[in-house]
Amino acid sequence: MSGTKTTRRALSASEVRDIVGDPVELVQLKVRPSLDKHCRAFIERSPFLSLGTVDASGQADVSPRGDPPGFVQVLDDHTLAIPERPGNKLADSLTNILDTGSVGLLFIIPGIEETLRVNGTASINADPELLESMAVKGKTPALAIVVDVQEAFIHCAKAFRRSALWKPESQVDRKELPSIGQVIRDQVKPPDMDAEEIEEFAQEDYRTRMY
């Protein structure tokens, strides 16, 4: 009915579990406390991950990380190291890690529908030897995120199959969306830069500050 206010009631944990159901034993057993050979093989081939963090107030954040395949180093069965490349300097992930240390990683390999999930705690590291081993094109990262792995498991392909993410026909023409310059112009409305100038600034940043 028009004008009727919809009431949204948050479900309880028990109500959610009643709807979702319980995981089968096989799913429960696949969650490993460390990185085995299959996890290592996945990480070695992955050029991209999403890094989830949370601050002291419980505010969550997810940030992309990408580099040539194998950019995340497996230091041992319980430890990963992720290079911190130049970004927007908001440092949300870093400050959240300093707040709580909680992290969740989702590793992706182009063309592979399964993903690798890793959960644990993290710290910020500036060990020169570690950072030097992460150099790309002669550029050494200033910092690294070191993750103490608590859980690791391969996630099923349903989301990627439902989205048809890797199918060529799923690719979106970049022209369907405005340029990053136009988006920032519309959102920020800087008085001294138009969309073309912002776009030029962004592209120059891509060319000169990748590493």
N, C-alpha and C. Protein backbone atom coordinates (compact mmCIF):
# COMPACT_ATOMS: atom_id res chain seq x y z
N MET A 1 0.85 -1.19 0.00
CA MET A 1 0.00 0.00 0.00
C MET A 1 0.89 1.24 0.00
N SER A 2 0.54 2.23 -0.79
CA SER A 2 1.32 3.45 -0.90
C SER A 2 1.32 4.19 0.43
N GLY A 3 2.51 4.65 0.83
CA GLY A 3 2.63 5.39 2.07
C GLY A 3 2.84 4.52 3.29
N THR A 4 2.79 3.21 3.13
CA THR A 4 3.00 2.31 4.26
C THR A 4 4.48 2.15 4.53
N LYS A 5 4.87 2.34 5.77
CA LYS A 5 6.27 2.22 6.15
C LYS A 5 6.63 0.76 6.37
N THR A 6 7.71 0.30 5.73
CA THR A 6 8.16 -1.08 5.89
C THR A 6 9.00 -1.21 7.14
N THR A 7 8.68 -2.20 7.96
CA THR A 7 9.44 -2.46 9.18
C THR A 7 10.44 -3.56 8.91
N ARG A 8 11.71 -3.29 9.15
CA ARG A 8 12.75 -4.29 8.94
C ARG A 8 13.26 -4.75 10.30
N ARG A 9 13.04 -6.00 10.60
CA ARG A 9 13.50 -6.55 11.88
C ARG A 9 14.73 -7.40 11.64
N ALA A 10 15.81 -7.10 12.35
CA ALA A 10 17.02 -7.90 12.22
C ALA A 10 16.79 -9.28 12.83
N LEU A 11 17.23 -10.30 12.11
CA LEU A 11 17.07 -11.66 12.59
C LEU A 11 18.12 -11.99 13.65
N SER A 12 17.78 -12.91 14.52
CA SER A 12 18.72 -13.38 15.53
C SER A 12 19.64 -14.43 14.93
N ALA A 13 20.69 -14.76 15.66
CA ALA A 13 21.62 -15.78 15.18
C ALA A 13 20.93 -17.11 14.97
N SER A 14 20.06 -17.46 15.89
CA SER A 14 19.37 -18.76 15.76
C SER A 14 18.42 -18.76 14.57
N GLU A 15 17.77 -17.63 14.30
CA GLU A 15 16.86 -17.55 13.16
C GLU A 15 17.64 -17.67 11.85
N VAL A 16 18.78 -17.01 11.78
CA VAL A 16 19.61 -17.11 10.59
C VAL A 16 20.07 -18.54 10.37
N ARG A 17 20.51 -19.20 11.44
CA ARG A 17 20.98 -20.59 11.31
C ARG A 17 19.84 -21.51 10.91
N ASP A 18 18.64 -21.27 11.40
CA ASP A 18 17.49 -22.09 11.01
C ASP A 18 17.22 -21.99 9.51
N ILE A 19 17.43 -20.79 8.96
CA ILE A 19 17.18 -20.58 7.53
C ILE A 19 18.32 -21.13 6.69
N VAL A 20 19.55 -20.83 7.08
CA VAL A 20 20.72 -21.23 6.30
C VAL A 20 20.99 -22.73 6.42
N GLY A 21 20.80 -23.27 7.61
CA GLY A 21 21.12 -24.67 7.87
C GLY A 21 22.56 -24.82 8.37
N ASP A 22 22.95 -26.03 8.67
CA ASP A 22 24.29 -26.32 9.17
C ASP A 22 25.19 -26.83 8.05
N PRO A 23 26.46 -26.47 8.08
CA PRO A 23 27.37 -26.97 7.05
C PRO A 23 27.62 -28.47 7.20
N VAL A 24 27.82 -29.14 6.07
CA VAL A 24 28.12 -30.56 6.14
C VAL A 24 29.53 -30.75 6.71
N GLU A 25 29.82 -31.93 7.16
CA GLU A 25 31.11 -32.20 7.83
C GLU A 25 32.29 -31.92 6.90
N LEU A 26 32.15 -32.24 5.61
CA LEU A 26 33.24 -32.03 4.66
C LEU A 26 33.64 -30.56 4.60
N VAL A 27 32.64 -29.66 4.61
CA VAL A 27 32.92 -28.23 4.58
C VAL A 27 33.61 -27.78 5.86
N GLN A 28 33.17 -28.31 6.98
CA GLN A 28 33.79 -27.94 8.26
C GLN A 28 35.24 -28.42 8.32
N LEU A 29 35.50 -29.58 7.78
CA LEU A 29 36.84 -30.16 7.88
C LEU A 29 37.84 -29.51 6.93
N LYS A 30 37.35 -28.85 5.88
CA LYS A 30 38.29 -28.25 4.92
C LYS A 30 38.95 -27.00 5.45
N VAL A 31 38.44 -26.42 6.53
CA VAL A 31 39.04 -25.22 7.13
C VAL A 31 40.30 -25.65 7.88
N ARG A 32 41.45 -25.23 7.38
CA ARG A 32 42.74 -25.66 7.91
C ARG A 32 43.34 -24.58 8.81
N PRO A 33 44.14 -24.97 9.81
CA PRO A 33 44.78 -23.99 10.71
C PRO A 33 46.10 -23.46 10.17
N SER A 34 46.49 -23.90 8.98
CA SER A 34 47.78 -23.48 8.42
C SER A 34 47.71 -23.61 6.90
N LEU A 35 48.80 -23.23 6.22
CA LEU A 35 48.88 -23.28 4.77
C LEU A 35 49.51 -24.59 4.31
N ASP A 36 48.75 -25.41 3.57
CA ASP A 36 49.31 -26.65 3.04
C ASP A 36 49.80 -26.41 1.61
N LYS A 37 50.18 -27.47 0.91
CA LYS A 37 50.74 -27.33 -0.43
C LYS A 37 49.73 -26.76 -1.42
N HIS A 38 48.44 -27.03 -1.21
CA HIS A 38 47.43 -26.51 -2.13
C HIS A 38 47.22 -25.01 -1.94
N CYS A 39 47.24 -24.57 -0.69
CA CYS A 39 47.15 -23.13 -0.41
C CYS A 39 48.36 -22.41 -0.99
N ARG A 40 49.54 -22.99 -0.80
CA ARG A 40 50.76 -22.38 -1.33
C ARG A 40 50.70 -22.26 -2.85
N ALA A 41 50.25 -23.32 -3.50
CA ALA A 41 50.16 -23.31 -4.96
C ALA A 41 49.20 -22.22 -5.44
N PHE A 42 48.11 -22.01 -4.72
CA PHE A 42 47.13 -20.99 -5.08
C PHE A 42 47.75 -19.60 -4.93
N ILE A 43 48.40 -19.37 -3.79
CA ILE A 43 49.00 -18.06 -3.52
C ILE A 43 50.09 -17.74 -4.53
N GLU A 44 50.87 -18.73 -4.92
CA GLU A 44 51.96 -18.52 -5.88
C GLU A 44 51.44 -18.05 -7.24
N ARG A 45 50.20 -18.39 -7.57
CA ARG A 45 49.63 -18.06 -8.87
C ARG A 45 48.69 -16.86 -8.83
N SER A 46 48.47 -16.33 -7.66
CA SER A 46 47.48 -15.26 -7.51
C SER A 46 48.11 -13.88 -7.68
N PRO A 47 47.58 -13.05 -8.60
CA PRO A 47 48.06 -11.69 -8.76
C PRO A 47 47.18 -10.66 -8.04
N PHE A 48 46.16 -11.14 -7.32
CA PHE A 48 45.18 -10.21 -6.75
C PHE A 48 44.54 -10.79 -5.50
N LEU A 49 44.34 -9.92 -4.50
CA LEU A 49 43.58 -10.32 -3.32
C LEU A 49 42.79 -9.14 -2.80
N SER A 50 41.74 -9.42 -2.06
CA SER A 50 41.01 -8.40 -1.31
C SER A 50 41.38 -8.56 0.15
N LEU A 51 41.70 -7.44 0.78
CA LEU A 51 42.14 -7.42 2.17
C LEU A 51 41.06 -6.79 3.03
N GLY A 52 40.45 -7.58 3.91
CA GLY A 52 39.44 -7.08 4.82
C GLY A 52 40.04 -6.80 6.18
N THR A 53 39.72 -5.63 6.74
CA THR A 53 40.20 -5.25 8.06
C THR A 53 39.05 -4.64 8.85
N VAL A 54 39.27 -4.42 10.14
CA VAL A 54 38.25 -3.81 10.99
C VAL A 54 38.93 -2.94 12.04
N ASP A 55 38.35 -1.77 12.34
CA ASP A 55 38.97 -0.88 13.31
C ASP A 55 38.44 -1.16 14.72
N ALA A 56 38.89 -0.37 15.68
CA ALA A 56 38.55 -0.61 17.08
C ALA A 56 37.06 -0.44 17.37
N SER A 57 36.36 0.34 16.53
CA SER A 57 34.93 0.55 16.73
C SER A 57 34.08 -0.48 16.01
N GLY A 58 34.72 -1.39 15.27
CA GLY A 58 33.99 -2.40 14.52
C GLY A 58 33.69 -2.02 13.09
N GLN A 59 34.18 -0.86 12.65
CA GLN A 59 33.97 -0.42 11.27
C GLN A 59 34.85 -1.24 10.33
N ALA A 60 34.24 -1.87 9.33
CA ALA A 60 34.98 -2.75 8.43
C ALA A 60 35.41 -2.02 7.17
N ASP A 61 36.44 -2.56 6.52
CA ASP A 61 36.97 -1.98 5.29
C ASP A 61 37.54 -3.12 4.44
N VAL A 62 37.39 -3.00 3.13
CA VAL A 62 37.99 -3.96 2.20
C VAL A 62 38.79 -3.20 1.16
N SER A 63 40.03 -3.64 0.94
CA SER A 63 40.92 -2.95 0.03
C SER A 63 41.55 -3.93 -0.94
N PRO A 64 41.67 -3.57 -2.24
CA PRO A 64 42.31 -4.47 -3.20
C PRO A 64 43.83 -4.39 -3.12
N ARG A 65 44.48 -5.51 -3.41
CA ARG A 65 45.93 -5.57 -3.50
C ARG A 65 46.29 -6.38 -4.74
N GLY A 66 47.18 -5.86 -5.58
CA GLY A 66 47.54 -6.57 -6.80
C GLY A 66 48.97 -6.33 -7.22
N ASP A 67 49.54 -7.33 -7.86
CA ASP A 67 50.93 -7.31 -8.30
C ASP A 67 51.14 -8.54 -9.19
N PRO A 68 52.35 -8.75 -9.70
CA PRO A 68 52.58 -9.98 -10.46
C PRO A 68 52.27 -11.23 -9.61
N PRO A 69 51.86 -12.34 -10.25
CA PRO A 69 51.54 -13.56 -9.50
C PRO A 69 52.64 -13.94 -8.52
N GLY A 70 52.23 -14.32 -7.33
CA GLY A 70 53.19 -14.70 -6.29
C GLY A 70 53.71 -13.54 -5.48
N PHE A 71 53.08 -12.36 -5.63
CA PHE A 71 53.58 -11.18 -4.91
C PHE A 71 53.44 -11.33 -3.40
N VAL A 72 52.51 -12.16 -2.95
CA VAL A 72 52.38 -12.45 -1.52
C VAL A 72 53.33 -13.59 -1.18
N GLN A 73 54.22 -13.36 -0.25
CA GLN A 73 55.21 -14.36 0.11
C GLN A 73 54.70 -15.26 1.24
N VAL A 74 54.88 -16.56 1.07
CA VAL A 74 54.60 -17.51 2.14
C VAL A 74 55.91 -17.71 2.91
N LEU A 75 55.99 -17.14 4.10
CA LEU A 75 57.22 -17.23 4.89
C LEU A 75 57.36 -18.58 5.57
N ASP A 76 56.23 -19.14 5.99
CA ASP A 76 56.18 -20.50 6.52
C ASP A 76 54.72 -20.93 6.51
N ASP A 77 54.40 -22.09 7.08
CA ASP A 77 53.04 -22.61 7.00
C ASP A 77 52.01 -21.75 7.74
N HIS A 78 52.48 -20.83 8.58
CA HIS A 78 51.57 -20.01 9.37
C HIS A 78 51.72 -18.52 9.10
N THR A 79 52.56 -18.13 8.14
CA THR A 79 52.88 -16.71 7.99
C THR A 79 52.93 -16.28 6.52
N LEU A 80 52.26 -15.16 6.22
CA LEU A 80 52.27 -14.54 4.91
C LEU A 80 52.82 -13.12 5.02
N ALA A 81 53.37 -12.61 3.93
CA ALA A 81 53.81 -11.23 3.89
C ALA A 81 53.29 -10.58 2.61
N ILE A 82 52.64 -9.43 2.75
CA ILE A 82 52.03 -8.71 1.63
C ILE A 82 52.73 -7.36 1.49
N PRO A 83 53.30 -7.04 0.33
CA PRO A 83 53.93 -5.73 0.16
C PRO A 83 52.89 -4.62 0.16
N GLU A 84 53.24 -3.49 0.76
CA GLU A 84 52.37 -2.32 0.76
C GLU A 84 52.88 -1.34 -0.29
N ARG A 85 52.21 -1.31 -1.45
CA ARG A 85 52.62 -0.45 -2.55
C ARG A 85 52.01 0.95 -2.40
N PRO A 86 52.50 1.93 -3.18
CA PRO A 86 51.93 3.28 -3.10
C PRO A 86 50.44 3.27 -3.42
N GLY A 87 49.68 4.03 -2.64
CA GLY A 87 48.24 4.10 -2.84
C GLY A 87 47.73 5.51 -2.62
N ASN A 88 46.53 5.62 -2.07
CA ASN A 88 45.92 6.94 -1.88
C ASN A 88 46.32 7.60 -0.57
N LYS A 89 47.11 6.92 0.24
CA LYS A 89 47.63 7.42 1.51
C LYS A 89 46.57 7.58 2.59
N LEU A 90 45.36 7.09 2.35
CA LEU A 90 44.38 7.05 3.44
C LEU A 90 44.81 6.06 4.52
N ALA A 91 45.50 4.99 4.08
CA ALA A 91 46.07 3.99 5.00
C ALA A 91 45.02 3.35 5.90
N ASP A 92 43.79 3.17 5.38
CA ASP A 92 42.73 2.57 6.18
C ASP A 92 43.10 1.16 6.66
N SER A 93 43.64 0.35 5.75
CA SER A 93 44.00 -1.02 6.13
C SER A 93 45.08 -1.01 7.21
N LEU A 94 46.09 -0.16 7.04
CA LEU A 94 47.19 -0.13 7.99
C LEU A 94 46.74 0.33 9.37
N THR A 95 45.93 1.40 9.41
CA THR A 95 45.48 1.88 10.71
C THR A 95 44.53 0.88 11.38
N ASN A 96 43.71 0.21 10.58
CA ASN A 96 42.84 -0.82 11.15
C ASN A 96 43.64 -1.98 11.73
N ILE A 97 44.69 -2.37 11.03
CA ILE A 97 45.56 -3.44 11.54
C ILE A 97 46.21 -3.01 12.84
N LEU A 98 46.64 -1.77 12.92
CA LEU A 98 47.21 -1.27 14.16
C LEU A 98 46.18 -1.25 15.29
N ASP A 99 44.92 -1.02 14.93
CA ASP A 99 43.85 -1.01 15.92
C ASP A 99 43.54 -2.40 16.47
N THR A 100 43.29 -3.35 15.56
CA THR A 100 42.78 -4.65 15.99
C THR A 100 43.61 -5.84 15.52
N GLY A 101 44.32 -5.69 14.41
CA GLY A 101 45.10 -6.80 13.86
C GLY A 101 44.29 -7.82 13.08
N SER A 102 42.97 -7.74 13.12
CA SER A 102 42.13 -8.75 12.45
C SER A 102 42.14 -8.53 10.94
N VAL A 103 42.37 -9.61 10.18
CA VAL A 103 42.36 -9.52 8.73
C VAL A 103 41.67 -10.74 8.13
N GLY A 104 41.08 -10.52 6.96
CA GLY A 104 40.56 -11.60 6.14
C GLY A 104 41.02 -11.37 4.71
N LEU A 105 41.57 -12.39 4.08
CA LEU A 105 42.09 -12.28 2.72
C LEU A 105 41.29 -13.17 1.78
N LEU A 106 41.06 -12.67 0.56
CA LEU A 106 40.44 -13.47 -0.49
C LEU A 106 41.34 -13.43 -1.70
N PHE A 107 42.02 -14.54 -1.99
CA PHE A 107 42.93 -14.63 -3.13
C PHE A 107 42.16 -15.06 -4.37
N ILE A 108 42.47 -14.40 -5.50
CA ILE A 108 41.80 -14.69 -6.77
C ILE A 108 42.85 -14.95 -7.84
N ILE A 109 42.58 -15.95 -8.69
CA ILE A 109 43.42 -16.24 -9.85
C ILE A 109 42.55 -16.06 -11.10
N PRO A 110 42.93 -15.22 -12.04
CA PRO A 110 42.13 -15.05 -13.25
C PRO A 110 41.87 -16.38 -13.95
N GLY A 111 40.61 -16.62 -14.28
CA GLY A 111 40.25 -17.85 -14.98
C GLY A 111 39.90 -19.01 -14.07
N ILE A 112 40.24 -18.90 -12.78
CA ILE A 112 39.93 -19.96 -11.81
C ILE A 112 38.70 -19.54 -11.01
N GLU A 113 37.72 -20.40 -10.93
CA GLU A 113 36.47 -20.03 -10.28
C GLU A 113 36.51 -20.20 -8.77
N GLU A 114 37.35 -21.09 -8.27
CA GLU A 114 37.51 -21.20 -6.83
C GLU A 114 38.41 -20.06 -6.32
N THR A 115 38.25 -19.71 -5.05
CA THR A 115 39.10 -18.71 -4.42
C THR A 115 39.72 -19.31 -3.16
N LEU A 116 40.69 -18.61 -2.62
CA LEU A 116 41.32 -19.04 -1.36
C LEU A 116 41.05 -18.00 -0.30
N ARG A 117 40.48 -18.43 0.81
CA ARG A 117 40.21 -17.54 1.93
C ARG A 117 41.23 -17.79 3.04
N VAL A 118 41.76 -16.71 3.58
CA VAL A 118 42.72 -16.80 4.69
C VAL A 118 42.31 -15.79 5.75
N ASN A 119 42.18 -16.24 6.99
CA ASN A 119 41.85 -15.36 8.10
C ASN A 119 42.95 -15.43 9.16
N GLY A 120 43.18 -14.32 9.84
CA GLY A 120 44.21 -14.33 10.87
C GLY A 120 44.39 -12.96 11.50
N THR A 121 45.58 -12.75 12.04
CA THR A 121 45.93 -11.47 12.63
C THR A 121 47.17 -10.94 11.91
N ALA A 122 47.29 -9.61 11.86
CA ALA A 122 48.37 -9.02 11.08
C ALA A 122 49.11 -7.96 11.88
N SER A 123 50.31 -7.67 11.42
CA SER A 123 51.13 -6.59 11.97
C SER A 123 51.82 -5.89 10.81
N ILE A 124 52.34 -4.69 11.06
CA ILE A 124 53.06 -3.92 10.06
C ILE A 124 54.55 -4.10 10.27
N ASN A 125 55.27 -4.41 9.19
CA ASN A 125 56.68 -4.75 9.29
C ASN A 125 57.50 -3.88 8.34
N ALA A 126 58.70 -3.50 8.79
CA ALA A 126 59.60 -2.70 7.95
C ALA A 126 60.99 -3.31 7.90
N ASP A 127 61.07 -4.63 8.01
CA ASP A 127 62.36 -5.31 7.97
C ASP A 127 63.00 -5.13 6.60
N PRO A 128 64.20 -4.55 6.52
CA PRO A 128 64.82 -4.26 5.23
C PRO A 128 65.00 -5.48 4.33
N GLU A 129 65.38 -6.61 4.92
CA GLU A 129 65.60 -7.81 4.12
C GLU A 129 64.30 -8.31 3.51
N LEU A 130 63.22 -8.29 4.29
CA LEU A 130 61.91 -8.71 3.77
C LEU A 130 61.45 -7.77 2.68
N LEU A 131 61.57 -6.47 2.90
CA LEU A 131 61.11 -5.49 1.92
C LEU A 131 61.91 -5.59 0.63
N GLU A 132 63.20 -5.80 0.73
CA GLU A 132 64.04 -5.91 -0.46
C GLU A 132 63.63 -7.11 -1.30
N SER A 133 63.20 -8.19 -0.66
CA SER A 133 62.79 -9.39 -1.40
C SER A 133 61.48 -9.17 -2.15
N MET A 134 60.77 -8.07 -1.85
CA MET A 134 59.50 -7.77 -2.50
C MET A 134 59.62 -6.69 -3.57
N ALA A 135 60.83 -6.30 -3.92
CA ALA A 135 61.04 -5.24 -4.90
C ALA A 135 60.51 -5.66 -6.27
N VAL A 136 59.89 -4.72 -6.96
CA VAL A 136 59.40 -4.91 -8.33
C VAL A 136 59.87 -3.71 -9.15
N LYS A 137 60.46 -3.98 -10.31
CA LYS A 137 60.98 -2.93 -11.19
C LYS A 137 61.94 -2.01 -10.45
N GLY A 138 62.71 -2.61 -9.55
CA GLY A 138 63.71 -1.85 -8.81
C GLY A 138 63.14 -1.02 -7.67
N LYS A 139 61.85 -1.11 -7.42
CA LYS A 139 61.22 -0.32 -6.36
C LYS A 139 60.87 -1.22 -5.18
N THR A 140 61.37 -0.86 -4.01
CA THR A 140 61.13 -1.62 -2.78
C THR A 140 59.98 -1.00 -2.01
N PRO A 141 59.03 -1.81 -1.54
CA PRO A 141 57.94 -1.23 -0.74
C PRO A 141 58.47 -0.67 0.58
N ALA A 142 57.79 0.34 1.09
CA ALA A 142 58.21 0.95 2.35
C ALA A 142 57.79 0.12 3.55
N LEU A 143 56.72 -0.68 3.37
CA LEU A 143 56.18 -1.47 4.47
C LEU A 143 55.67 -2.81 3.93
N ALA A 144 55.48 -3.75 4.84
CA ALA A 144 54.85 -5.02 4.51
C ALA A 144 53.83 -5.37 5.59
N ILE A 145 52.77 -6.03 5.19
CA ILE A 145 51.78 -6.55 6.12
C ILE A 145 52.09 -8.03 6.35
N VAL A 146 52.39 -8.39 7.57
CA VAL A 146 52.71 -9.78 7.90
C VAL A 146 51.51 -10.40 8.60
N VAL A 147 51.02 -11.50 8.05
CA VAL A 147 49.79 -12.13 8.53
C VAL A 147 50.11 -13.44 9.23
N ASP A 148 49.64 -13.58 10.45
CA ASP A 148 49.69 -14.84 11.19
C ASP A 148 48.42 -15.61 10.85
N VAL A 149 48.56 -16.66 10.08
CA VAL A 149 47.41 -17.41 9.55
C VAL A 149 46.76 -18.25 10.64
N GLN A 150 45.44 -18.10 10.76
CA GLN A 150 44.67 -18.90 11.71
C GLN A 150 43.72 -19.86 11.01
N GLU A 151 43.24 -19.45 9.83
CA GLU A 151 42.36 -20.30 9.03
C GLU A 151 42.69 -20.13 7.55
N ALA A 152 42.61 -21.21 6.81
CA ALA A 152 42.81 -21.15 5.36
C ALA A 152 41.98 -22.25 4.71
N PHE A 153 41.26 -21.88 3.65
CA PHE A 153 40.47 -22.90 2.94
C PHE A 153 40.07 -22.42 1.56
N ILE A 154 39.91 -23.37 0.67
CA ILE A 154 39.44 -23.10 -0.69
C ILE A 154 37.93 -22.89 -0.66
N HIS A 155 37.49 -21.79 -1.29
CA HIS A 155 36.07 -21.47 -1.33
C HIS A 155 35.50 -21.95 -2.67
N CYS A 156 34.28 -22.44 -2.64
CA CYS A 156 33.66 -23.03 -3.83
C CYS A 156 33.43 -21.99 -4.93
N ALA A 157 33.08 -22.48 -6.12
CA ALA A 157 33.00 -21.65 -7.33
C ALA A 157 31.62 -21.05 -7.58
N LYS A 158 30.66 -21.23 -6.68
CA LYS A 158 29.29 -20.82 -6.98
C LYS A 158 29.17 -19.33 -7.31
N ALA A 159 29.82 -18.47 -6.55
CA ALA A 159 29.69 -17.03 -6.79
C ALA A 159 30.23 -16.65 -8.16
N PHE A 160 31.36 -17.24 -8.54
CA PHE A 160 31.96 -16.93 -9.83
C PHE A 160 31.14 -17.52 -10.98
N ARG A 161 30.53 -18.66 -10.75
CA ARG A 161 29.69 -19.23 -11.80
C ARG A 161 28.38 -18.45 -11.94
N ARG A 162 27.82 -18.01 -10.83
CA ARG A 162 26.59 -17.22 -10.91
C ARG A 162 26.85 -15.89 -11.61
N SER A 163 28.01 -15.30 -11.36
CA SER A 163 28.33 -14.00 -11.95
C SER A 163 28.90 -14.10 -13.35
N ALA A 164 29.33 -15.31 -13.74
CA ALA A 164 29.99 -15.53 -15.04
C ALA A 164 31.17 -14.58 -15.20
N LEU A 165 31.90 -14.37 -14.12
CA LEU A 165 32.92 -13.33 -14.09
C LEU A 165 34.00 -13.49 -15.15
N TRP A 166 34.42 -14.73 -15.40
CA TRP A 166 35.54 -14.92 -16.31
C TRP A 166 35.13 -15.12 -17.77
N LYS A 167 33.85 -15.10 -18.05
CA LYS A 167 33.41 -15.27 -19.43
C LYS A 167 33.61 -13.97 -20.20
N PRO A 168 34.18 -14.04 -21.41
CA PRO A 168 34.43 -12.82 -22.20
C PRO A 168 33.19 -11.98 -22.41
N GLU A 169 32.04 -12.62 -22.56
CA GLU A 169 30.82 -11.85 -22.81
C GLU A 169 30.35 -11.08 -21.57
N SER A 170 30.96 -11.35 -20.42
CA SER A 170 30.62 -10.62 -19.21
C SER A 170 31.40 -9.31 -19.07
N GLN A 171 32.42 -9.14 -19.91
CA GLN A 171 33.23 -7.92 -19.84
C GLN A 171 32.37 -6.70 -20.17
N VAL A 172 32.54 -5.64 -19.40
CA VAL A 172 31.78 -4.40 -19.58
C VAL A 172 32.64 -3.39 -20.33
N ASP A 173 32.07 -2.76 -21.33
CA ASP A 173 32.76 -1.71 -22.08
C ASP A 173 33.01 -0.53 -21.15
N ARG A 174 34.27 -0.10 -21.04
CA ARG A 174 34.61 1.00 -20.13
C ARG A 174 33.80 2.25 -20.42
N LYS A 175 33.36 2.41 -21.66
CA LYS A 175 32.61 3.61 -22.05
C LYS A 175 31.20 3.64 -21.45
N GLU A 176 30.75 2.50 -20.87
CA GLU A 176 29.43 2.48 -20.25
C GLU A 176 29.41 3.28 -18.95
N LEU A 177 30.57 3.54 -18.38
CA LEU A 177 30.67 4.29 -17.13
C LEU A 177 31.50 5.55 -17.36
N PRO A 178 31.26 6.58 -16.57
CA PRO A 178 32.08 7.80 -16.71
C PRO A 178 33.51 7.54 -16.29
N SER A 179 34.42 8.38 -16.77
CA SER A 179 35.82 8.26 -16.39
C SER A 179 36.00 8.55 -14.92
N ILE A 180 37.14 8.12 -14.36
CA ILE A 180 37.42 8.41 -12.96
C ILE A 180 37.49 9.92 -12.74
N GLY A 181 37.98 10.64 -13.76
CA GLY A 181 38.02 12.09 -13.66
C GLY A 181 36.63 12.70 -13.52
N GLN A 182 35.67 12.20 -14.31
CA GLN A 182 34.31 12.72 -14.25
C GLN A 182 33.66 12.36 -12.92
N VAL A 183 33.89 11.15 -12.45
CA VAL A 183 33.32 10.71 -11.17
C VAL A 183 33.79 11.62 -10.04
N ILE A 184 35.10 11.86 -9.97
CA ILE A 184 35.65 12.70 -8.90
C ILE A 184 35.14 14.14 -9.04
N ARG A 185 35.06 14.62 -10.29
CA ARG A 185 34.55 15.97 -10.52
C ARG A 185 33.13 16.09 -9.98
N ASP A 186 32.28 15.11 -10.27
CA ASP A 186 30.89 15.15 -9.82
C ASP A 186 30.77 15.03 -8.30
N GLN A 187 31.62 14.19 -7.71
CA GLN A 187 31.50 13.93 -6.27
C GLN A 187 32.16 15.02 -5.42
N VAL A 188 33.33 15.49 -5.84
CA VAL A 188 34.11 16.43 -5.03
C VAL A 188 33.89 17.88 -5.43
N LYS A 189 33.68 18.09 -6.73
CA LYS A 189 33.49 19.43 -7.29
C LYS A 189 34.64 20.39 -6.92
N PRO A 190 35.88 20.00 -7.22
CA PRO A 190 36.99 20.92 -6.96
C PRO A 190 36.86 22.18 -7.81
N PRO A 191 37.05 23.36 -7.23
CA PRO A 191 36.80 24.60 -7.97
C PRO A 191 37.82 24.90 -9.06
N ASP A 192 39.00 24.29 -8.97
CA ASP A 192 40.07 24.66 -9.90
C ASP A 192 40.47 23.56 -10.87
N MET A 193 39.66 22.47 -10.97
CA MET A 193 39.99 21.37 -11.88
C MET A 193 38.71 20.87 -12.55
N ASP A 194 38.76 20.69 -13.86
CA ASP A 194 37.63 20.07 -14.54
C ASP A 194 37.88 18.57 -14.66
N ALA A 195 36.93 17.87 -15.25
CA ALA A 195 37.01 16.41 -15.33
C ALA A 195 38.24 15.95 -16.12
N GLU A 196 38.55 16.66 -17.21
CA GLU A 196 39.70 16.27 -18.03
C GLU A 196 41.01 16.43 -17.26
N GLU A 197 41.13 17.48 -16.49
CA GLU A 197 42.34 17.70 -15.71
C GLU A 197 42.49 16.66 -14.61
N ILE A 198 41.39 16.30 -13.99
CA ILE A 198 41.43 15.26 -12.95
C ILE A 198 41.81 13.93 -13.57
N GLU A 199 41.24 13.63 -14.74
CA GLU A 199 41.57 12.39 -15.43
C GLU A 199 43.05 12.34 -15.78
N GLU A 200 43.59 13.45 -16.27
CA GLU A 200 45.01 13.51 -16.61
C GLU A 200 45.88 13.29 -15.37
N PHE A 201 45.47 13.89 -14.26
CA PHE A 201 46.20 13.71 -13.00
C PHE A 201 46.19 12.24 -12.58
N ALA A 202 45.01 11.61 -12.69
CA ALA A 202 44.89 10.20 -12.29
C ALA A 202 45.74 9.30 -13.17
N GLN A 203 45.72 9.53 -14.48
CA GLN A 203 46.49 8.70 -15.39
C GLN A 203 47.99 8.89 -15.19
N GLU A 204 48.40 10.10 -14.89
CA GLU A 204 49.81 10.36 -14.61
C GLU A 204 50.24 9.64 -13.32
N ASP A 205 49.35 9.64 -12.35
CA ASP A 205 49.62 8.92 -11.10
C ASP A 205 49.78 7.43 -11.36
N TYR A 206 48.92 6.88 -12.23
CA TYR A 206 49.04 5.47 -12.60
C TYR A 206 50.38 5.18 -13.28
N ARG A 207 50.80 6.10 -14.14
CA ARG A 207 52.04 5.88 -14.89
C ARG A 207 53.28 5.99 -14.02
N THR A 208 53.26 6.87 -13.03
CA THR A 208 54.51 7.18 -12.30
C THR A 208 54.56 6.66 -10.87
N ARG A 209 53.42 6.23 -10.31
CA ARG A 209 53.43 5.83 -8.90
C ARG A 209 52.88 4.42 -8.68
N MET A 210 53.04 3.55 -9.64
CA MET A 210 52.63 2.16 -9.45
C MET A 210 53.46 1.48 -8.38
N TYR A 211 54.74 1.83 -8.34
CA TYR A 211 55.65 1.23 -7.36
C TYR A 211 56.46 2.30 -6.64
